[in-house]
Amino acid sequence: ITIGVWGSRQRKIRAAYQFSLYTSLGSVFMLLAILLIFFQTGTTDLQILLTTEFSERRQIFLWIAFFASFSVKVPMVPVHIWLPEAHVEAPTAGSVILAGILLKLGTYGFLRFSIPMFPEATLCFTPFIYTLSVIAIIYTSLTTLRQIDLKKIIAYSSVAHMNFVTIGMFSLNIQGIGGSILLMLSHGLVSSALFLCVGFLYDRHKTRLVKYYGGSVSTMPNPPTIFFFSTLANMSLPGTSSSIGEFLILVGAFQINSLVATLAALGMILGAAYSPWLYNRAVLGNLKPNFLHKFSDPNGREVTIFLPFIVGVARMGVHPKVFLDRMHTSVGNLVQHGKFH
């Protein structure tokens, strides 16, 4: 509804239908799996189901059904097509909700349901998840370099980051899962801040094409500063929240599969390539005088909106122990329950 009613362009209805179609079809399989679980066990109580042992064959069937739903929400390749279009057409608030909440539902579903309920099937499909995630990271990172729309650039980078999360999550060790949760939190803050920056620009000039914003730093110093900080966090610069999560994910992945970890690290390098490229083209360079002469700095309301995201990213980057300590027991119990390592 948010995309279809308050979207910014004529293709908003198509984007809304595409979003609804992908998510609804995926959810149908999950619903069927839940019904099957209920008919077999007589309950949908998660605590009881966590102690229920399903046969390996039944686990595989149920895991695939849950995967069909969660993979769309992550999103994983090839069911990621809806995300860039949805972000482009959605209003700024819609993009923030998509990036900060909706994209976390898939990885949360894996963590909350698929991994603890179906541990044998999870081990069986881990190579499959690794393959899809590595393909998604490299493919979307390269695709990002070809985009000219600010929102599409951030959307494709979000796909890469969320597939980095799945690599850590399916490493099935404390470092990988802990890093995945931290990166989920970080991505929600960083990508939301980037979408707010783009929304700030769009509200003033009704375009998101990168070519129109070169040299904007000379006319409005404050937004480029916020954009610069968010870009550094998006490329996982040490000292920002994303760097801690991605480092832990690599540590966890190296313990399981060094090739996957190496390819994931390549994705980090590509991220370090497209993030400065985005900032350079959107903020630095030659001023477009016919387009930017009416630019103004953000007002107090807009600065207040930005502030919590910036503080959150800095706090997680400088002092991540607070967050890691809170999740350590739960992550340890998950790994121990599944008897993964």
C-alpha atoms as a PDB file:
ATOM      1  CA  ILE A   1       0.000   0.000   0.000  1.00  0.00           C
ATOM      2  CA  THR A   2       2.809   2.418   0.883  1.00  0.00           C
ATOM      3  CA  ILE A   3       4.467   1.859  -2.498  1.00  0.00           C
ATOM      4  CA  GLY A   4       1.247   1.883  -4.542  1.00  0.00           C
ATOM      5  CA  VAL A   5      -0.326   4.960  -2.934  1.00  0.00           C
ATOM      6  CA  TRP A   6       2.625   7.175  -1.985  1.00  0.00           C
ATOM      7  CA  GLY A   7       5.167   6.011  -4.555  1.00  0.00           C
ATOM      8  CA  SER A   8       7.078   8.580  -6.544  1.00  0.00           C
ATOM      9  CA  ARG A   9       6.676   7.538 -10.193  1.00  0.00           C
ATOM     10  CA  GLN A  10       4.158   6.104 -12.658  1.00  0.00           C
ATOM     11  CA  ARG A  11       5.557   2.578 -12.250  1.00  0.00           C
ATOM     12  CA  LYS A  12       4.641   2.483  -8.560  1.00  0.00           C
ATOM     13  CA  ILE A  13       1.594   0.245  -9.162  1.00  0.00           C
ATOM     14  CA  ARG A  14       3.725  -2.277 -11.038  1.00  0.00           C
ATOM     15  CA  ALA A  15       6.315  -2.246  -8.258  1.00  0.00           C
ATOM     16  CA  ALA A  16       3.601  -2.744  -5.618  1.00  0.00           C
ATOM     17  CA  TYR A  17       2.116  -5.705  -7.499  1.00  0.00           C
ATOM     18  CA  GLN A  18       5.550  -7.226  -8.043  1.00  0.00           C
ATOM     19  CA  PHE A  19       6.395  -6.885  -4.362  1.00  0.00           C
ATOM     20  CA  SER A  20       3.078  -8.423  -3.298  1.00  0.00           C
ATOM     21  CA  LEU A  21       3.364 -11.278  -5.793  1.00  0.00           C
ATOM     22  CA  TYR A  22       6.857 -12.331  -4.764  1.00  0.00           C
ATOM     23  CA  THR A  23       6.236 -12.154  -1.022  1.00  0.00           C
ATOM     24  CA  SER A  24       2.777 -13.748  -1.163  1.00  0.00           C
ATOM     25  CA  LEU A  25       3.822 -16.699  -3.300  1.00  0.00           C
ATOM     26  CA  GLY A  26       6.753 -17.398  -1.016  1.00  0.00           C
ATOM     27  CA  SER A  27       4.532 -17.215   2.053  1.00  0.00           C
ATOM     28  CA  VAL A  28       2.121 -19.801   0.615  1.00  0.00           C
ATOM     29  CA  PHE A  29       4.795 -22.502   0.861  1.00  0.00           C
ATOM     30  CA  MET A  30       5.539 -21.548   4.450  1.00  0.00           C
ATOM     31  CA  LEU A  31       1.833 -21.683   5.317  1.00  0.00           C
ATOM     32  CA  LEU A  32       1.548 -25.181   3.852  1.00  0.00           C
ATOM     33  CA  ALA A  33       4.596 -26.259   5.868  1.00  0.00           C
ATOM     34  CA  ILE A  34       3.082 -24.868   9.082  1.00  0.00           C
ATOM     35  CA  LEU A  35      -0.164 -26.747   8.411  1.00  0.00           C
ATOM     36  CA  LEU A  36       1.787 -29.942   7.817  1.00  0.00           C
ATOM     37  CA  ILE A  37       3.657 -29.457  11.097  1.00  0.00           C
ATOM     38  CA  PHE A  38       0.370 -28.888  12.923  1.00  0.00           C
ATOM     39  CA  PHE A  39      -1.266 -32.002  11.476  1.00  0.00           C
ATOM     40  CA  GLN A  40       1.768 -34.079  12.442  1.00  0.00           C
ATOM     41  CA  THR A  41       2.413 -32.707  15.940  1.00  0.00           C
ATOM     42  CA  GLY A  42      -0.923 -31.174  16.929  1.00  0.00           C
ATOM     43  CA  THR A  43       0.683 -27.886  17.974  1.00  0.00           C
ATOM     44  CA  THR A  44       2.295 -24.734  16.629  1.00  0.00           C
ATOM     45  CA  ASP A  45       3.988 -23.869  19.927  1.00  0.00           C
ATOM     46  CA  LEU A  46       7.582 -23.092  19.010  1.00  0.00           C
ATOM     47  CA  GLN A  47       9.046 -24.277  22.318  1.00  0.00           C
ATOM     48  CA  ILE A  48       7.422 -27.676  21.871  1.00  0.00           C
ATOM     49  CA  LEU A  49       8.439 -27.890  18.215  1.00  0.00           C
ATOM     50  CA  LEU A  50      12.069 -27.180  19.106  1.00  0.00           C
ATOM     51  CA  THR A  51      12.080 -30.398  21.129  1.00  0.00           C
ATOM     52  CA  THR A  52      10.276 -32.377  18.422  1.00  0.00           C
ATOM     53  CA  GLU A  53      12.434 -34.594  16.253  1.00  0.00           C
ATOM     54  CA  PHE A  54      11.407 -34.762  12.601  1.00  0.00           C
ATOM     55  CA  SER A  55      12.772 -37.375  10.238  1.00  0.00           C
ATOM     56  CA  GLU A  56      15.544 -36.168   7.950  1.00  0.00           C
ATOM     57  CA  ARG A  57      13.312 -36.522   4.907  1.00  0.00           C
ATOM     58  CA  ARG A  58      10.527 -34.520   6.565  1.00  0.00           C
ATOM     59  CA  GLN A  59      13.052 -31.893   7.688  1.00  0.00           C
ATOM     60  CA  ILE A  60      14.274 -31.437   4.125  1.00  0.00           C
ATOM     61  CA  PHE A  61      10.737 -30.966   2.810  1.00  0.00           C
ATOM     62  CA  LEU A  62       9.822 -28.466   5.533  1.00  0.00           C
ATOM     63  CA  TRP A  63      13.150 -26.637   5.224  1.00  0.00           C
ATOM     64  CA  ILE A  64      12.588 -26.106   1.490  1.00  0.00           C
ATOM     65  CA  ALA A  65       9.092 -24.750   2.142  1.00  0.00           C
ATOM     66  CA  PHE A  66      10.368 -22.283   4.743  1.00  0.00           C
ATOM     67  CA  PHE A  67      13.275 -21.363   2.465  1.00  0.00           C
ATOM     68  CA  ALA A  68      10.853 -20.432  -0.325  1.00  0.00           C
ATOM     69  CA  SER A  69       9.406 -17.775   1.953  1.00  0.00           C
ATOM     70  CA  PHE A  70      12.532 -16.500   3.687  1.00  0.00           C
ATOM     71  CA  SER A  71      14.712 -16.317   0.558  1.00  0.00           C
ATOM     72  CA  VAL A  72      12.344 -13.745  -0.955  1.00  0.00           C
ATOM     73  CA  LYS A  73      12.587 -11.549   2.123  1.00  0.00           C
ATOM     74  CA  VAL A  74      16.411 -11.635   2.344  1.00  0.00           C
ATOM     75  CA  PRO A  75      16.375 -11.408  -0.775  1.00  0.00           C
ATOM     76  CA  MET A  76      18.533 -14.071  -2.403  1.00  0.00           C
ATOM     77  CA  VAL A  77      19.321 -14.528  -6.085  1.00  0.00           C
ATOM     78  CA  PRO A  78      17.271 -14.998  -8.248  1.00  0.00           C
ATOM     79  CA  VAL A  79      14.233 -13.834  -6.250  1.00  0.00           C
ATOM     80  CA  HIS A  80      15.755 -10.412  -5.539  1.00  0.00           C
ATOM     81  CA  ILE A  81      14.256  -8.712  -8.595  1.00  0.00           C
ATOM     82  CA  TRP A  82      11.420  -7.075  -6.682  1.00  0.00           C
ATOM     83  CA  LEU A  83      13.680  -5.149  -4.288  1.00  0.00           C
ATOM     84  CA  PRO A  84      15.370  -2.514  -6.518  1.00  0.00           C
ATOM     85  CA  GLU A  85      12.056  -1.642  -8.162  1.00  0.00           C
ATOM     86  CA  ALA A  86      10.264  -1.450  -4.814  1.00  0.00           C
ATOM     87  CA  HIS A  87      12.937   0.850  -3.375  1.00  0.00           C
ATOM     88  CA  VAL A  88      12.914   3.132  -6.406  1.00  0.00           C
ATOM     89  CA  GLU A  89       9.140   3.557  -6.359  1.00  0.00           C
ATOM     90  CA  ALA A  90       8.652   3.691  -2.582  1.00  0.00           C
ATOM     91  CA  PRO A  91       8.611   7.009  -0.704  1.00  0.00           C
ATOM     92  CA  THR A  92      11.508   7.669   1.641  1.00  0.00           C
ATOM     93  CA  ALA A  93       9.648   6.281   4.649  1.00  0.00           C
ATOM     94  CA  GLY A  94       8.805   3.143   2.677  1.00  0.00           C
ATOM     95  CA  SER A  95      12.441   2.608   1.716  1.00  0.00           C
ATOM     96  CA  VAL A  96      13.525   3.009   5.345  1.00  0.00           C
ATOM     97  CA  ILE A  97      10.958   0.408   6.441  1.00  0.00           C
ATOM     98  CA  LEU A  98      12.012  -1.964   3.660  1.00  0.00           C
ATOM     99  CA  ALA A  99      15.703  -1.671   4.516  1.00  0.00           C
ATOM    100  CA  GLY A 100      15.413  -1.499   8.280  1.00  0.00           C
ATOM    101  CA  ILE A 101      12.708  -4.085   8.948  1.00  0.00           C
ATOM    102  CA  LEU A 102      11.457  -6.117   5.993  1.00  0.00           C
ATOM    103  CA  LEU A 103      14.845  -7.319   4.751  1.00  0.00           C
ATOM    104  CA  LYS A 104      15.581  -8.651   8.230  1.00  0.00           C
ATOM    105  CA  LEU A 105      12.499 -10.883   8.293  1.00  0.00           C
ATOM    106  CA  GLY A 106      14.082 -13.484   6.021  1.00  0.00           C
ATOM    107  CA  THR A 107      17.321 -13.831   7.959  1.00  0.00           C
ATOM    108  CA  TYR A 108      15.418 -13.707  11.248  1.00  0.00           C
ATOM    109  CA  GLY A 109      13.209 -16.521   9.947  1.00  0.00           C
ATOM    110  CA  PHE A 110      16.243 -18.656   9.157  1.00  0.00           C
ATOM    111  CA  LEU A 111      17.664 -17.945  12.599  1.00  0.00           C
ATOM    112  CA  ARG A 112      14.437 -18.426  14.523  1.00  0.00           C
ATOM    113  CA  PHE A 113      12.812 -21.318  12.677  1.00  0.00           C
ATOM    114  CA  SER A 114      14.784 -23.102   9.953  1.00  0.00           C
ATOM    115  CA  ILE A 115      18.117 -23.561  11.744  1.00  0.00           C
ATOM    116  CA  PRO A 116      16.892 -24.687  15.207  1.00  0.00           C
ATOM    117  CA  MET A 117      13.871 -26.708  14.023  1.00  0.00           C
ATOM    118  CA  PHE A 118      15.524 -28.517  11.116  1.00  0.00           C
ATOM    119  CA  PRO A 119      19.228 -28.888  12.015  1.00  0.00           C
ATOM    120  CA  GLU A 120      19.913 -31.914   9.796  1.00  0.00           C
ATOM    121  CA  ALA A 121      18.324 -30.269   6.770  1.00  0.00           C
ATOM    122  CA  THR A 122      20.240 -27.074   7.547  1.00  0.00           C
ATOM    123  CA  LEU A 123      23.543 -28.934   7.371  1.00  0.00           C
ATOM    124  CA  CYS A 124      22.405 -30.571   4.137  1.00  0.00           C
ATOM    125  CA  PHE A 125      21.573 -27.259   2.454  1.00  0.00           C
ATOM    126  CA  THR A 126      24.465 -25.173   3.801  1.00  0.00           C
ATOM    127  CA  PRO A 127      26.571 -25.590   0.590  1.00  0.00           C
ATOM    128  CA  PHE A 128      23.520 -24.493  -1.417  1.00  0.00           C
ATOM    129  CA  ILE A 129      23.109 -21.359   0.717  1.00  0.00           C
ATOM    130  CA  TYR A 130      26.826 -20.603   0.436  1.00  0.00           C
ATOM    131  CA  THR A 131      26.657 -20.858  -3.350  1.00  0.00           C
ATOM    132  CA  LEU A 132      23.627 -18.596  -3.708  1.00  0.00           C
ATOM    133  CA  SER A 133      25.047 -16.065  -1.254  1.00  0.00           C
ATOM    134  CA  VAL A 134      28.439 -15.793  -2.941  1.00  0.00           C
ATOM    135  CA  ILE A 135      26.795 -15.415  -6.357  1.00  0.00           C
ATOM    136  CA  ALA A 136      24.508 -12.717  -4.973  1.00  0.00           C
ATOM    137  CA  ILE A 137      27.339 -10.785  -3.315  1.00  0.00           C
ATOM    138  CA  ILE A 138      29.527 -10.678  -6.425  1.00  0.00           C
ATOM    139  CA  TYR A 139      26.687 -10.216  -8.922  1.00  0.00           C
ATOM    140  CA  THR A 140      24.911  -7.398  -7.087  1.00  0.00           C
ATOM    141  CA  SER A 141      28.176  -5.642  -6.215  1.00  0.00           C
ATOM    142  CA  LEU A 142      29.137  -5.559  -9.891  1.00  0.00           C
ATOM    143  CA  THR A 143      25.597  -4.538 -10.858  1.00  0.00           C
ATOM    144  CA  THR A 144      25.783  -1.633  -8.421  1.00  0.00           C
ATOM    145  CA  LEU A 145      28.675  -0.141 -10.392  1.00  0.00           C
ATOM    146  CA  ARG A 146      26.410   0.142 -13.460  1.00  0.00           C
ATOM    147  CA  GLN A 147      23.481   1.937 -11.831  1.00  0.00           C
ATOM    148  CA  ILE A 148      22.640   5.609 -12.333  1.00  0.00           C
ATOM    149  CA  ASP A 149      19.760   5.848  -9.836  1.00  0.00           C
ATOM    150  CA  LEU A 150      20.791   6.600  -6.244  1.00  0.00           C
ATOM    151  CA  LYS A 151      18.130   4.348  -4.749  1.00  0.00           C
ATOM    152  CA  LYS A 152      18.985   1.420  -6.999  1.00  0.00           C
ATOM    153  CA  ILE A 153      22.623   1.688  -5.979  1.00  0.00           C
ATOM    154  CA  ILE A 154      21.685   1.422  -2.306  1.00  0.00           C
ATOM    155  CA  ALA A 155      19.145  -1.337  -3.026  1.00  0.00           C
ATOM    156  CA  TYR A 156      21.663  -3.565  -4.804  1.00  0.00           C
ATOM    157  CA  SER A 157      24.241  -2.962  -2.098  1.00  0.00           C
ATOM    158  CA  SER A 158      21.601  -4.058   0.425  1.00  0.00           C
ATOM    159  CA  VAL A 159      21.223  -7.376  -1.397  1.00  0.00           C
ATOM    160  CA  ALA A 160      24.987  -7.896  -1.150  1.00  0.00           C
ATOM    161  CA  HIS A 161      25.070  -7.107   2.574  1.00  0.00           C
ATOM    162  CA  MET A 162      22.108  -9.337   3.416  1.00  0.00           C
ATOM    163  CA  ASN A 163      23.652 -12.264   1.559  1.00  0.00           C
ATOM    164  CA  PHE A 164      26.791 -11.646   3.580  1.00  0.00           C
ATOM    165  CA  VAL A 165      24.529 -12.159   6.594  1.00  0.00           C
ATOM    166  CA  THR A 166      23.337 -15.546   5.294  1.00  0.00           C
ATOM    167  CA  ILE A 167      26.940 -16.723   4.880  1.00  0.00           C
ATOM    168  CA  GLY A 168      27.662 -15.970   8.526  1.00  0.00           C
ATOM    169  CA  MET A 169      24.375 -17.413   9.702  1.00  0.00           C
ATOM    170  CA  PHE A 170      24.919 -20.735   7.936  1.00  0.00           C
ATOM    171  CA  SER A 171      28.475 -20.982   9.216  1.00  0.00           C
ATOM    172  CA  LEU A 172      26.585 -22.308  12.239  1.00  0.00           C
ATOM    173  CA  ASN A 173      29.157 -21.179  14.778  1.00  0.00           C
ATOM    174  CA  ILE A 174      29.123 -18.468  17.425  1.00  0.00           C
ATOM    175  CA  GLN A 175      31.327 -16.050  15.472  1.00  0.00           C
ATOM    176  CA  GLY A 176      29.367 -16.343  12.232  1.00  0.00           C
ATOM    177  CA  ILE A 177      25.896 -16.113  13.751  1.00  0.00           C
ATOM    178  CA  GLY A 178      26.891 -13.322  16.149  1.00  0.00           C
ATOM    179  CA  GLY A 179      28.433 -11.354  13.289  1.00  0.00           C
ATOM    180  CA  SER A 180      25.307 -11.898  11.201  1.00  0.00           C
ATOM    181  CA  ILE A 181      23.035 -10.485  13.883  1.00  0.00           C
ATOM    182  CA  LEU A 182      25.336  -7.498  14.358  1.00  0.00           C
ATOM    183  CA  LEU A 183      25.453  -6.869  10.597  1.00  0.00           C
ATOM    184  CA  MET A 184      21.651  -7.076  10.424  1.00  0.00           C
ATOM    185  CA  LEU A 185      21.392  -4.342  13.041  1.00  0.00           C
ATOM    186  CA  SER A 186      24.088  -2.289  11.353  1.00  0.00           C
ATOM    187  CA  HIS A 187      22.587  -2.607   7.891  1.00  0.00           C
ATOM    188  CA  GLY A 188      19.224  -1.445   9.177  1.00  0.00           C
ATOM    189  CA  LEU A 189      20.828   1.761  10.447  1.00  0.00           C
ATOM    190  CA  VAL A 190      23.282   2.407   7.602  1.00  0.00           C
ATOM    191  CA  SER A 191      20.970   1.729   4.676  1.00  0.00           C
ATOM    192  CA  SER A 192      18.173   3.698   6.330  1.00  0.00           C
ATOM    193  CA  ALA A 193      20.518   6.672   6.745  1.00  0.00           C
ATOM    194  CA  LEU A 194      21.516   6.425   3.077  1.00  0.00           C
ATOM    195  CA  PHE A 195      17.881   6.318   1.954  1.00  0.00           C
ATOM    196  CA  LEU A 196      17.144   9.339   4.129  1.00  0.00           C
ATOM    197  CA  CYS A 197      20.005  11.187   2.413  1.00  0.00           C
ATOM    198  CA  VAL A 198      18.566  10.318  -0.990  1.00  0.00           C
ATOM    199  CA  GLY A 199      15.109  11.342   0.193  1.00  0.00           C
ATOM    200  CA  PHE A 200      16.518  14.683   1.313  1.00  0.00           C
ATOM    201  CA  LEU A 201      17.897  15.262  -2.189  1.00  0.00           C
ATOM    202  CA  TYR A 202      14.762  14.034  -3.942  1.00  0.00           C
ATOM    203  CA  ASP A 203      12.436  16.250  -1.902  1.00  0.00           C
ATOM    204  CA  ARG A 204      14.285  19.293  -3.208  1.00  0.00           C
ATOM    205  CA  HIS A 205      14.845  18.408  -6.867  1.00  0.00           C
ATOM    206  CA  LYS A 206      12.593  15.463  -7.732  1.00  0.00           C
ATOM    207  CA  THR A 207      15.299  13.316  -9.275  1.00  0.00           C
ATOM    208  CA  ARG A 208      17.568  10.515  -8.108  1.00  0.00           C
ATOM    209  CA  LEU A 209      19.909  10.381 -11.092  1.00  0.00           C
ATOM    210  CA  VAL A 210      23.511  10.543  -9.932  1.00  0.00           C
ATOM    211  CA  LYS A 211      24.670  12.807 -12.755  1.00  0.00           C
ATOM    212  CA  TYR A 212      22.666  15.786 -11.476  1.00  0.00           C
ATOM    213  CA  TYR A 213      24.254  15.954  -8.039  1.00  0.00           C
ATOM    214  CA  GLY A 214      27.967  16.389  -8.731  1.00  0.00           C
ATOM    215  CA  GLY A 215      29.511  19.280  -6.811  1.00  0.00           C
ATOM    216  CA  SER A 216      26.671  19.562  -4.297  1.00  0.00           C
ATOM    217  CA  VAL A 217      29.171  19.796  -1.417  1.00  0.00           C
ATOM    218  CA  SER A 218      29.908  23.398  -2.386  1.00  0.00           C
ATOM    219  CA  THR A 219      26.283  24.482  -1.954  1.00  0.00           C
ATOM    220  CA  MET A 220      25.216  22.500   1.127  1.00  0.00           C
ATOM    221  CA  PRO A 221      28.025  21.227   3.392  1.00  0.00           C
ATOM    222  CA  ASN A 222      25.939  19.356   5.988  1.00  0.00           C
ATOM    223  CA  PRO A 223      24.152  16.655   3.915  1.00  0.00           C
ATOM    224  CA  PRO A 224      27.383  15.533   2.194  1.00  0.00           C
ATOM    225  CA  THR A 225      28.959  15.119   5.638  1.00  0.00           C
ATOM    226  CA  ILE A 226      26.135  12.809   6.723  1.00  0.00           C
ATOM    227  CA  PHE A 227      26.270  11.044   3.352  1.00  0.00           C
ATOM    228  CA  PHE A 228      30.040  10.621   3.730  1.00  0.00           C
ATOM    229  CA  PHE A 229      29.732   9.016   7.159  1.00  0.00           C
ATOM    230  CA  SER A 230      26.974   6.673   5.937  1.00  0.00           C
ATOM    231  CA  THR A 231      29.049   5.739   2.890  1.00  0.00           C
ATOM    232  CA  LEU A 232      32.047   4.871   5.075  1.00  0.00           C
ATOM    233  CA  ALA A 233      29.816   2.636   7.188  1.00  0.00           C
ATOM    234  CA  ASN A 234      28.345   1.039   4.060  1.00  0.00           C
ATOM    235  CA  MET A 235      31.836   0.088   2.870  1.00  0.00           C
ATOM    236  CA  SER A 236      32.605  -1.388   6.323  1.00  0.00           C
ATOM    237  CA  LEU A 237      35.383   1.000   7.259  1.00  0.00           C
ATOM    238  CA  PRO A 238      37.014  -0.069  10.566  1.00  0.00           C
ATOM    239  CA  GLY A 239      35.433   1.812  13.429  1.00  0.00           C
ATOM    240  CA  THR A 240      31.946   1.637  11.936  1.00  0.00           C
ATOM    241  CA  SER A 241      29.263  -0.879  12.867  1.00  0.00           C
ATOM    242  CA  SER A 242      29.373  -2.891   9.632  1.00  0.00           C
ATOM    243  CA  SER A 243      33.080  -3.670   9.926  1.00  0.00           C
ATOM    244  CA  ILE A 244      32.663  -5.609  13.185  1.00  0.00           C
ATOM    245  CA  GLY A 245      29.835  -7.748  11.834  1.00  0.00           C
ATOM    246  CA  GLU A 246      31.568  -8.549   8.559  1.00  0.00           C
ATOM    247  CA  PHE A 247      34.840  -9.376  10.312  1.00  0.00           C
ATOM    248  CA  LEU A 248      33.099 -11.868  12.614  1.00  0.00           C
ATOM    249  CA  ILE A 249      31.273 -13.389   9.642  1.00  0.00           C
ATOM    250  CA  LEU A 250      34.572 -13.919   7.824  1.00  0.00           C
ATOM    251  CA  VAL A 251      36.083 -15.483  10.952  1.00  0.00           C
ATOM    252  CA  GLY A 252      33.145 -17.872  11.214  1.00  0.00           C
ATOM    253  CA  ALA A 253      33.136 -18.682   7.497  1.00  0.00           C
ATOM    254  CA  PHE A 254      36.890 -19.374   7.405  1.00  0.00           C
ATOM    255  CA  GLN A 255      36.379 -22.060  10.043  1.00  0.00           C
ATOM    256  CA  ILE A 256      33.966 -23.891   7.733  1.00  0.00           C
ATOM    257  CA  ASN A 257      34.963 -23.121   4.157  1.00  0.00           C
ATOM    258  CA  SER A 258      37.962 -20.958   3.311  1.00  0.00           C
ATOM    259  CA  LEU A 259      36.952 -20.643  -0.364  1.00  0.00           C
ATOM    260  CA  VAL A 260      33.544 -19.201   0.514  1.00  0.00           C
ATOM    261  CA  ALA A 261      35.153 -16.815   2.998  1.00  0.00           C
ATOM    262  CA  THR A 262      37.670 -15.671   0.370  1.00  0.00           C
ATOM    263  CA  LEU A 263      34.937 -15.014  -2.194  1.00  0.00           C
ATOM    264  CA  ALA A 264      32.904 -13.159   0.432  1.00  0.00           C
ATOM    265  CA  ALA A 265      35.961 -11.030   1.191  1.00  0.00           C
ATOM    266  CA  LEU A 266      36.097 -10.214  -2.519  1.00  0.00           C
ATOM    267  CA  GLY A 267      32.582  -8.866  -2.128  1.00  0.00           C
ATOM    268  CA  MET A 268      33.856  -6.571   0.632  1.00  0.00           C
ATOM    269  CA  ILE A 269      36.498  -5.266  -1.764  1.00  0.00           C
ATOM    270  CA  LEU A 270      33.838  -4.563  -4.388  1.00  0.00           C
ATOM    271  CA  GLY A 271      31.821  -2.771  -1.709  1.00  0.00           C
ATOM    272  CA  ALA A 272      34.843  -0.633  -0.981  1.00  0.00           C
ATOM    273  CA  ALA A 273      34.852   0.186  -4.699  1.00  0.00           C
ATOM    274  CA  TYR A 274      31.250   1.215  -5.332  1.00  0.00           C
ATOM    275  CA  SER A 275      30.700   3.164  -2.098  1.00  0.00           C
ATOM    276  CA  PRO A 276      33.394   5.846  -2.734  1.00  0.00           C
ATOM    277  CA  TRP A 277      32.384   5.826  -6.396  1.00  0.00           C
ATOM    278  CA  LEU A 278      28.828   6.702  -5.371  1.00  0.00           C
ATOM    279  CA  TYR A 279      29.947   9.486  -3.043  1.00  0.00           C
ATOM    280  CA  ASN A 280      32.363  10.919  -5.582  1.00  0.00           C
ATOM    281  CA  ARG A 281      29.764  11.141  -8.344  1.00  0.00           C
ATOM    282  CA  ALA A 282      26.898  12.321  -6.144  1.00  0.00           C
ATOM    283  CA  VAL A 283      28.716  14.891  -3.996  1.00  0.00           C
ATOM    284  CA  LEU A 284      32.118  15.836  -5.417  1.00  0.00           C
ATOM    285  CA  GLY A 285      33.083  16.809  -8.953  1.00  0.00           C
ATOM    286  CA  ASN A 286      31.910  19.775 -10.986  1.00  0.00           C
ATOM    287  CA  LEU A 287      28.921  21.791  -9.819  1.00  0.00           C
ATOM    288  CA  LYS A 288      25.772  21.695 -11.960  1.00  0.00           C
ATOM    289  CA  PRO A 289      24.812  25.390 -11.594  1.00  0.00           C
ATOM    290  CA  ASN A 290      21.517  25.190 -13.460  1.00  0.00           C
ATOM    291  CA  PHE A 291      20.300  22.471 -11.158  1.00  0.00           C
ATOM    292  CA  LEU A 292      21.714  22.975  -7.690  1.00  0.00           C
ATOM    293  CA  HIS A 293      21.575  26.734  -7.199  1.00  0.00           C
ATOM    294  CA  LYS A 294      18.465  26.440  -4.972  1.00  0.00           C
ATOM    295  CA  PHE A 295      19.877  23.796  -2.655  1.00  0.00           C
ATOM    296  CA  SER A 296      19.505  24.348   1.072  1.00  0.00           C
ATOM    297  CA  ASP A 297      20.866  22.597   4.140  1.00  0.00           C
ATOM    298  CA  PRO A 298      18.540  20.333   6.166  1.00  0.00           C
ATOM    299  CA  ASN A 299      16.273  21.953   8.707  1.00  0.00           C
ATOM    300  CA  GLY A 300      16.089  21.022  12.381  1.00  0.00           C
ATOM    301  CA  ARG A 301      13.498  18.305  11.807  1.00  0.00           C
ATOM    302  CA  GLU A 302      15.630  16.586   9.182  1.00  0.00           C
ATOM    303  CA  VAL A 303      18.780  16.756  11.307  1.00  0.00           C
ATOM    304  CA  THR A 304      16.849  15.244  14.228  1.00  0.00           C
ATOM    305  CA  ILE A 305      15.767  12.347  11.996  1.00  0.00           C
ATOM    306  CA  PHE A 306      19.353  11.666  10.905  1.00  0.00           C
ATOM    307  CA  LEU A 307      20.867  11.847  14.391  1.00  0.00           C
ATOM    308  CA  PRO A 308      19.735   8.472  15.873  1.00  0.00           C
ATOM    309  CA  PHE A 309      21.077   6.567  12.871  1.00  0.00           C
ATOM    310  CA  ILE A 310      24.474   8.249  13.023  1.00  0.00           C
ATOM    311  CA  VAL A 311      24.776   7.756  16.786  1.00  0.00           C
ATOM    312  CA  GLY A 312      23.732   4.100  16.488  1.00  0.00           C
ATOM    313  CA  VAL A 313      26.295   3.337  13.786  1.00  0.00           C
ATOM    314  CA  ALA A 314      29.084   5.047  15.735  1.00  0.00           C
ATOM    315  CA  ARG A 315      28.152   3.335  19.015  1.00  0.00           C
ATOM    316  CA  MET A 316      28.086  -0.139  17.460  1.00  0.00           C
ATOM    317  CA  GLY A 317      31.388   0.467  15.718  1.00  0.00           C
ATOM    318  CA  VAL A 318      33.267   1.844  18.715  1.00  0.00           C
ATOM    319  CA  HIS A 319      31.794  -0.364  21.446  1.00  0.00           C
ATOM    320  CA  PRO A 320      30.255  -3.537  19.917  1.00  0.00           C
ATOM    321  CA  LYS A 321      30.811  -5.574  23.095  1.00  0.00           C
ATOM    322  CA  VAL A 322      27.546  -4.282  24.555  1.00  0.00           C
ATOM    323  CA  PHE A 323      25.593  -5.816  21.678  1.00  0.00           C
ATOM    324  CA  LEU A 324      27.650  -9.001  21.395  1.00  0.00           C
ATOM    325  CA  ASP A 325      27.349  -9.768  25.116  1.00  0.00           C
ATOM    326  CA  ARG A 326      23.556  -9.548  24.971  1.00  0.00           C
ATOM    327  CA  MET A 327      23.321 -12.090  22.160  1.00  0.00           C
ATOM    328  CA  HIS A 328      26.144 -14.423  23.226  1.00  0.00           C
ATOM    329  CA  THR A 329      24.031 -16.738  25.402  1.00  0.00           C
ATOM    330  CA  SER A 330      21.236 -17.080  22.850  1.00  0.00           C
ATOM    331  CA  VAL A 331      23.655 -17.747  20.001  1.00  0.00           C
ATOM    332  CA  GLY A 332      25.560 -20.283  22.090  1.00  0.00           C
ATOM    333  CA  ASN A 333      22.330 -22.097  22.952  1.00  0.00           C
ATOM    334  CA  LEU A 334      21.351 -22.191  19.273  1.00  0.00           C
ATOM    335  CA  VAL A 335      24.664 -23.723  18.224  1.00  0.00           C
ATOM    336  CA  GLN A 336      24.553 -26.206  21.095  1.00  0.00           C
ATOM    337  CA  HIS A 337      20.909 -27.144  20.421  1.00  0.00           C
ATOM    338  CA  GLY A 338      21.631 -27.951  16.794  1.00  0.00           C
ATOM    339  CA  LYS A 339      24.834 -29.808  17.720  1.00  0.00           C
ATOM    340  CA  PHE A 340      26.493 -28.136  14.739  1.00  0.00           C
ATOM    341  CA  HIS A 341      30.005 -27.943  16.225  1.00  0.00           C
END
